[in-house]
Amino acid sequence: GIRAAVVMGRLRSALRAYALESTDPAEVLERLDRKAQHFEAGQMTTVLYMVLEPGASQVALSSAGHLLPLMAPPDGPTGTVDAPVDPPLGTLPSVTRRSTVISLPEGAVLCCFTDGLVERRDEPLGQTLERLRTVVVAAPPHRVCEAILFAMLDGHDPPDDIALLAIRRVERGH
């Protein structure tokens, strides 16, 4: 609705400002949470915030109630990134947020998504997450996204808004 869109616009703007002041995802989300607690009282939102330096082999991330990304290494099974999930923004005062640094191996794909991609009224979340996991592979990101949308939506309109991001680490010059 309109109220949610306004709140998200305000939080997105604040997040951009805080991101200029710190490269630690947990610190950025702590600041954003204080802003939400004060100016957006009674509102709750989830956020997955990541910092990826170009050419880097590591990603720093912090989750405020958001689903964790999936990682598809080039030589192993796809799985959920191992990181803590802290409470959503706006829910508890004075939350100490945590950052996790994960390795992004050469050729790996990191897939981030919103709950609109996997939440269904008639299907358990674990089942849809498993279906998604089987589709995320170490391949060019545009192909991964196409396969995900085909597998998860099957030509139907999504029941909720969806954001999807696939990142693949490749060697320079490739």
C-alpha atoms as a PDB file:
ATOM      1  CA  GLY A   1       0.000   0.000   0.000  1.00  0.00           C
ATOM      2  CA  ILE A   2       0.857   3.685  -0.088  1.00  0.00           C
ATOM      3  CA  ARG A   3       1.988   3.845   3.560  1.00  0.00           C
ATOM      4  CA  ALA A   4       4.398   0.940   3.089  1.00  0.00           C
ATOM      5  CA  ALA A   5       5.803   2.490  -0.098  1.00  0.00           C
ATOM      6  CA  VAL A   6       6.408   5.805   1.669  1.00  0.00           C
ATOM      7  CA  VAL A   7       8.141   4.088   4.597  1.00  0.00           C
ATOM      8  CA  MET A   8      10.316   2.029   2.229  1.00  0.00           C
ATOM      9  CA  GLY A   9      11.271   5.177   0.315  1.00  0.00           C
ATOM     10  CA  ARG A  10      12.340   6.880   3.521  1.00  0.00           C
ATOM     11  CA  LEU A  11      14.292   3.850   4.738  1.00  0.00           C
ATOM     12  CA  ARG A  12      15.996   3.381   1.365  1.00  0.00           C
ATOM     13  CA  SER A  13      17.126   7.003   1.397  1.00  0.00           C
ATOM     14  CA  ALA A  14      18.443   6.711   4.959  1.00  0.00           C
ATOM     15  CA  LEU A  15      20.218   3.443   4.148  1.00  0.00           C
ATOM     16  CA  ARG A  16      22.079   5.127   1.296  1.00  0.00           C
ATOM     17  CA  ALA A  17      23.239   7.896   3.612  1.00  0.00           C
ATOM     18  CA  TYR A  18      24.375   5.478   6.337  1.00  0.00           C
ATOM     19  CA  ALA A  19      26.184   3.338   3.728  1.00  0.00           C
ATOM     20  CA  LEU A  20      28.411   6.325   2.957  1.00  0.00           C
ATOM     21  CA  GLU A  21      29.512   6.442   6.598  1.00  0.00           C
ATOM     22  CA  SER A  22      30.323   2.767   7.237  1.00  0.00           C
ATOM     23  CA  THR A  23      31.258  -0.382   5.328  1.00  0.00           C
ATOM     24  CA  ASP A  24      30.045  -2.622   8.180  1.00  0.00           C
ATOM     25  CA  PRO A  25      26.570  -3.943   7.276  1.00  0.00           C
ATOM     26  CA  ALA A  26      25.619  -4.452  10.948  1.00  0.00           C
ATOM     27  CA  GLU A  27      26.470  -0.852  11.823  1.00  0.00           C
ATOM     28  CA  VAL A  28      24.465   0.443   8.863  1.00  0.00           C
ATOM     29  CA  LEU A  29      21.441  -1.634   9.885  1.00  0.00           C
ATOM     30  CA  GLU A  30      21.736  -0.562  13.538  1.00  0.00           C
ATOM     31  CA  ARG A  31      21.552   3.071  12.442  1.00  0.00           C
ATOM     32  CA  LEU A  32      18.668   2.325  10.103  1.00  0.00           C
ATOM     33  CA  ASP A  33      16.833   0.504  12.888  1.00  0.00           C
ATOM     34  CA  ARG A  34      17.202   3.508  15.235  1.00  0.00           C
ATOM     35  CA  LYS A  35      15.772   5.729  12.491  1.00  0.00           C
ATOM     36  CA  ALA A  36      12.892   3.308  11.931  1.00  0.00           C
ATOM     37  CA  GLN A  37      12.164   3.064  15.665  1.00  0.00           C
ATOM     38  CA  HIS A  38      12.012   6.834  15.982  1.00  0.00           C
ATOM     39  CA  PHE A  39      10.452   8.074  12.731  1.00  0.00           C
ATOM     40  CA  GLU A  40       8.522   5.022  11.529  1.00  0.00           C
ATOM     41  CA  ALA A  41       7.141   3.798  14.869  1.00  0.00           C
ATOM     42  CA  GLY A  42       4.859   0.799  14.547  1.00  0.00           C
ATOM     43  CA  GLN A  43       6.291  -0.220  11.172  1.00  0.00           C
ATOM     44  CA  MET A  44       8.327  -3.370  10.605  1.00  0.00           C
ATOM     45  CA  THR A  45      10.516  -4.281   7.663  1.00  0.00           C
ATOM     46  CA  THR A  46      13.101  -6.848   6.715  1.00  0.00           C
ATOM     47  CA  VAL A  47      16.424  -5.983   5.098  1.00  0.00           C
ATOM     48  CA  LEU A  48      19.351  -7.929   3.713  1.00  0.00           C
ATOM     49  CA  TYR A  49      22.312  -5.596   3.372  1.00  0.00           C
ATOM     50  CA  MET A  50      25.531  -6.685   1.681  1.00  0.00           C
ATOM     51  CA  VAL A  51      28.838  -5.048   0.854  1.00  0.00           C
ATOM     52  CA  LEU A  52      30.728  -6.482  -2.091  1.00  0.00           C
ATOM     53  CA  GLU A  53      33.903  -4.822  -3.245  1.00  0.00           C
ATOM     54  CA  PRO A  54      34.490  -5.123  -7.010  1.00  0.00           C
ATOM     55  CA  GLY A  55      36.895  -7.964  -7.691  1.00  0.00           C
ATOM     56  CA  ALA A  56      36.751  -9.138  -4.086  1.00  0.00           C
ATOM     57  CA  SER A  57      36.423 -12.752  -3.048  1.00  0.00           C
ATOM     58  CA  GLN A  58      34.355 -11.951   0.047  1.00  0.00           C
ATOM     59  CA  VAL A  59      30.963 -10.463   0.818  1.00  0.00           C
ATOM     60  CA  ALA A  60      29.978  -8.872   4.134  1.00  0.00           C
ATOM     61  CA  LEU A  61      26.294  -9.151   4.991  1.00  0.00           C
ATOM     62  CA  SER A  62      23.755  -8.547   7.719  1.00  0.00           C
ATOM     63  CA  SER A  63      20.138  -9.714   7.782  1.00  0.00           C
ATOM     64  CA  ALA A  64      17.379  -7.938   9.658  1.00  0.00           C
ATOM     65  CA  GLY A  65      14.700 -10.634   9.473  1.00  0.00           C
ATOM     66  CA  HIS A  66      15.282 -11.207   5.765  1.00  0.00           C
ATOM     67  CA  LEU A  67      15.717 -14.559   4.030  1.00  0.00           C
ATOM     68  CA  LEU A  68      19.386 -15.390   3.523  1.00  0.00           C
ATOM     69  CA  PRO A  69      20.825 -15.718   0.023  1.00  0.00           C
ATOM     70  CA  LEU A  70      21.620 -18.994  -1.674  1.00  0.00           C
ATOM     71  CA  MET A  71      25.132 -19.750  -2.894  1.00  0.00           C
ATOM     72  CA  ALA A  72      25.876 -22.058  -5.799  1.00  0.00           C
ATOM     73  CA  PRO A  73      29.580 -22.914  -5.842  1.00  0.00           C
ATOM     74  CA  PRO A  74      31.028 -24.189  -9.126  1.00  0.00           C
ATOM     75  CA  ASP A  75      31.934 -27.553  -7.599  1.00  0.00           C
ATOM     76  CA  GLY A  76      29.355 -28.359  -4.957  1.00  0.00           C
ATOM     77  CA  PRO A  77      25.710 -28.248  -3.932  1.00  0.00           C
ATOM     78  CA  THR A  78      23.733 -25.026  -3.646  1.00  0.00           C
ATOM     79  CA  GLY A  79      22.927 -24.017  -0.086  1.00  0.00           C
ATOM     80  CA  THR A  80      21.797 -21.192   2.116  1.00  0.00           C
ATOM     81  CA  VAL A  81      24.556 -18.849   3.231  1.00  0.00           C
ATOM     82  CA  ASP A  82      25.586 -19.538   6.822  1.00  0.00           C
ATOM     83  CA  ALA A  83      24.817 -16.308   8.675  1.00  0.00           C
ATOM     84  CA  PRO A  84      22.656 -15.193  11.600  1.00  0.00           C
ATOM     85  CA  VAL A  85      19.296 -13.545  11.001  1.00  0.00           C
ATOM     86  CA  ASP A  86      18.617 -10.704  13.417  1.00  0.00           C
ATOM     87  CA  PRO A  87      15.116  -9.328  14.170  1.00  0.00           C
ATOM     88  CA  PRO A  88      13.394  -7.168  11.533  1.00  0.00           C
ATOM     89  CA  LEU A  89      13.812  -3.401  11.723  1.00  0.00           C
ATOM     90  CA  GLY A  90      11.334  -1.615  13.941  1.00  0.00           C
ATOM     91  CA  THR A  91      10.499  -4.571  16.177  1.00  0.00           C
ATOM     92  CA  LEU A  92      12.811  -4.377  19.200  1.00  0.00           C
ATOM     93  CA  PRO A  93      14.664  -1.453  20.756  1.00  0.00           C
ATOM     94  CA  SER A  94      18.470  -1.548  20.877  1.00  0.00           C
ATOM     95  CA  VAL A  95      19.174  -4.670  18.822  1.00  0.00           C
ATOM     96  CA  THR A  96      22.866  -5.465  18.407  1.00  0.00           C
ATOM     97  CA  ARG A  97      23.144  -6.511  14.788  1.00  0.00           C
ATOM     98  CA  ARG A  98      25.729  -8.927  13.430  1.00  0.00           C
ATOM     99  CA  SER A  99      27.754  -8.956  10.229  1.00  0.00           C
ATOM    100  CA  THR A 100      29.082 -12.075   8.575  1.00  0.00           C
ATOM    101  CA  VAL A 101      31.821 -12.281   5.968  1.00  0.00           C
ATOM    102  CA  ILE A 102      31.423 -15.087   3.464  1.00  0.00           C
ATOM    103  CA  SER A 103      33.776 -16.276   0.749  1.00  0.00           C
ATOM    104  CA  LEU A 104      32.593 -16.002  -2.823  1.00  0.00           C
ATOM    105  CA  PRO A 105      34.606 -18.602  -4.752  1.00  0.00           C
ATOM    106  CA  GLU A 106      35.561 -18.076  -8.373  1.00  0.00           C
ATOM    107  CA  GLY A 107      32.578 -19.018 -10.570  1.00  0.00           C
ATOM    108  CA  ALA A 108      30.100 -19.100  -7.669  1.00  0.00           C
ATOM    109  CA  VAL A 109      26.663 -17.523  -7.902  1.00  0.00           C
ATOM    110  CA  LEU A 110      25.120 -15.678  -4.965  1.00  0.00           C
ATOM    111  CA  CYS A 111      21.338 -15.369  -5.270  1.00  0.00           C
ATOM    112  CA  CYS A 112      19.364 -12.860  -3.189  1.00  0.00           C
ATOM    113  CA  PHE A 113      15.573 -12.711  -3.277  1.00  0.00           C
ATOM    114  CA  THR A 114      12.570 -11.328  -1.469  1.00  0.00           C
ATOM    115  CA  ASP A 115       9.890 -13.399   0.230  1.00  0.00           C
ATOM    116  CA  GLY A 116       7.482 -12.693  -2.632  1.00  0.00           C
ATOM    117  CA  LEU A 117       9.432 -15.228  -4.678  1.00  0.00           C
ATOM    118  CA  VAL A 118       9.007 -18.118  -2.225  1.00  0.00           C
ATOM    119  CA  GLU A 119       5.999 -17.480   0.038  1.00  0.00           C
ATOM    120  CA  ARG A 120       2.768 -19.168  -1.035  1.00  0.00           C
ATOM    121  CA  ARG A 121      -0.497 -19.556   0.853  1.00  0.00           C
ATOM    122  CA  ASP A 122      -0.913 -23.150  -0.328  1.00  0.00           C
ATOM    123  CA  GLU A 123       2.689 -24.396  -0.088  1.00  0.00           C
ATOM    124  CA  PRO A 124       5.075 -24.641   2.875  1.00  0.00           C
ATOM    125  CA  LEU A 125       8.032 -22.236   2.800  1.00  0.00           C
ATOM    126  CA  GLY A 126      10.506 -25.112   3.117  1.00  0.00           C
ATOM    127  CA  GLN A 127       9.104 -26.679  -0.033  1.00  0.00           C
ATOM    128  CA  THR A 128       9.374 -23.512  -2.136  1.00  0.00           C
ATOM    129  CA  LEU A 129      12.881 -22.795  -0.806  1.00  0.00           C
ATOM    130  CA  GLU A 130      13.918 -26.319  -1.802  1.00  0.00           C
ATOM    131  CA  ARG A 131      12.496 -25.797  -5.298  1.00  0.00           C
ATOM    132  CA  LEU A 132      14.459 -22.548  -5.551  1.00  0.00           C
ATOM    133  CA  ARG A 133      17.631 -24.239  -4.288  1.00  0.00           C
ATOM    134  CA  THR A 134      17.473 -26.818  -7.077  1.00  0.00           C
ATOM    135  CA  VAL A 135      17.322 -24.087  -9.727  1.00  0.00           C
ATOM    136  CA  VAL A 136      20.165 -21.870  -8.488  1.00  0.00           C
ATOM    137  CA  VAL A 137      23.357 -23.071 -10.190  1.00  0.00           C
ATOM    138  CA  ALA A 138      26.795 -21.658 -10.975  1.00  0.00           C
ATOM    139  CA  ALA A 139      25.907 -20.189 -14.374  1.00  0.00           C
ATOM    140  CA  PRO A 140      25.627 -16.733 -15.945  1.00  0.00           C
ATOM    141  CA  PRO A 141      23.367 -14.592 -13.708  1.00  0.00           C
ATOM    142  CA  HIS A 142      20.825 -13.740 -16.410  1.00  0.00           C
ATOM    143  CA  ARG A 143      20.329 -17.463 -17.094  1.00  0.00           C
ATOM    144  CA  VAL A 144      19.969 -18.183 -13.386  1.00  0.00           C
ATOM    145  CA  CYS A 145      17.324 -15.454 -13.007  1.00  0.00           C
ATOM    146  CA  GLU A 146      15.413 -16.702 -16.055  1.00  0.00           C
ATOM    147  CA  ALA A 147      15.404 -20.261 -14.703  1.00  0.00           C
ATOM    148  CA  ILE A 148      14.304 -19.066 -11.266  1.00  0.00           C
ATOM    149  CA  LEU A 149      11.380 -17.054 -12.596  1.00  0.00           C
ATOM    150  CA  PHE A 150      10.277 -19.921 -14.819  1.00  0.00           C
ATOM    151  CA  ALA A 151      10.494 -22.495 -12.009  1.00  0.00           C
ATOM    152  CA  MET A 152       8.965 -20.355  -9.298  1.00  0.00           C
ATOM    153  CA  LEU A 153       6.213 -18.569 -11.247  1.00  0.00           C
ATOM    154  CA  ASP A 154       5.478 -21.048 -14.049  1.00  0.00           C
ATOM    155  CA  GLY A 155       3.976 -18.285 -16.207  1.00  0.00           C
ATOM    156  CA  HIS A 156       1.643 -17.024 -13.465  1.00  0.00           C
ATOM    157  CA  ASP A 157       1.547 -13.538 -12.010  1.00  0.00           C
ATOM    158  CA  PRO A 158       3.399 -13.406  -8.698  1.00  0.00           C
ATOM    159  CA  PRO A 159       1.204 -13.204  -5.600  1.00  0.00           C
ATOM    160  CA  ASP A 160       3.499 -10.508  -4.135  1.00  0.00           C
ATOM    161  CA  ASP A 161       6.212  -8.175  -5.350  1.00  0.00           C
ATOM    162  CA  ILE A 162       9.522  -9.849  -6.149  1.00  0.00           C
ATOM    163  CA  ALA A 163      13.108  -8.667  -6.144  1.00  0.00           C
ATOM    164  CA  LEU A 164      15.784 -11.028  -7.432  1.00  0.00           C
ATOM    165  CA  LEU A 165      19.537 -10.505  -7.707  1.00  0.00           C
ATOM    166  CA  ALA A 166      22.130 -13.015  -8.907  1.00  0.00           C
ATOM    167  CA  ILE A 167      25.836 -12.212  -8.669  1.00  0.00           C
ATOM    168  CA  ARG A 168      28.576 -14.357 -10.189  1.00  0.00           C
ATOM    169  CA  ARG A 169      32.245 -13.961  -9.406  1.00  0.00           C
ATOM    170  CA  VAL A 170      34.339 -14.325 -12.524  1.00  0.00           C
ATOM    171  CA  GLU A 171      38.029 -13.929 -13.171  1.00  0.00           C
ATOM    172  CA  ARG A 172      38.981 -10.546 -14.624  1.00  0.00           C
ATOM    173  CA  GLY A 173      39.040 -10.565 -18.395  1.00  0.00           C
ATOM    174  CA  HIS A 174      36.285 -13.204 -18.695  1.00  0.00           C
END
